[in-house]
Amino acid sequence: MIRLVNRVLLALIGLALVCGGGVVLAAGAGWPVPSWWPYAGPRGVLLSRANRIRYREEGWWWPAVIAALAILVVLALWWLLAQLRRARLPEVLIGSGDGEGAVVRGRALEDVLAGDAESLDGVAHADVRLTGRRTGPSARIRLLLEPHAPPAATLRRLTHESLEHARSSAGLATLPAKVRLRAAKHRAERVS
């Protein structure tokens, strides 16, 4: 859904900018421009003094301008936040071995991979998100390690056991992963 909205919005904004820029270039070069276009030549302005003060007496003008600009800012912020949010992969296409494919929900594969990672010695909590394409997913894994867990050994076991198991079970050629390790906070032990 986000990709479709991105493509439509970028196409509309690009079309408007190309058309506006083309008309400004045409007017600056002295070529004929549409009669409704306010900028008519190199010495022209987009808003003349008469146009700037024309609506000053109207009570609806400034609230309408402010409302329109506020709506544009809110839509631009929504679009920006949508770009920053990493979308989860809704489904993964896996090979069934007979030339046909099967579809597995991305959440189900994430939950299984997280459960498998949490079963490793020294892992207190695992959070997994699948991103990428449905035929070639990649995993983002965050592990909360217990205080006694050695990070290198835990990462090696995650790679060779959990990720390899998920990759082979789903019939994927590769399953690239970015892993973030964080140690759990603990209180100092009392020595008596």
Foldseek 3Di string as FASTA:
>chain_A
DLVVVVVVVVVVVVVVVVVVVVQLVCQAVVHDHDPVQQARYPPGDRADPCNVCVCVPPPVPPVVVVVVVVVVVVVVVVNVVVVVDADFDQWAWFDPPPPDIDIDGRVVLQVQLFVVLCPDPFFPGKGWGWHDDNDAIEIEMETEGEPVDDVVVSVVCSVVPSLVVSCVVRRHPDHHYDYHYHYDDDDDDDDD
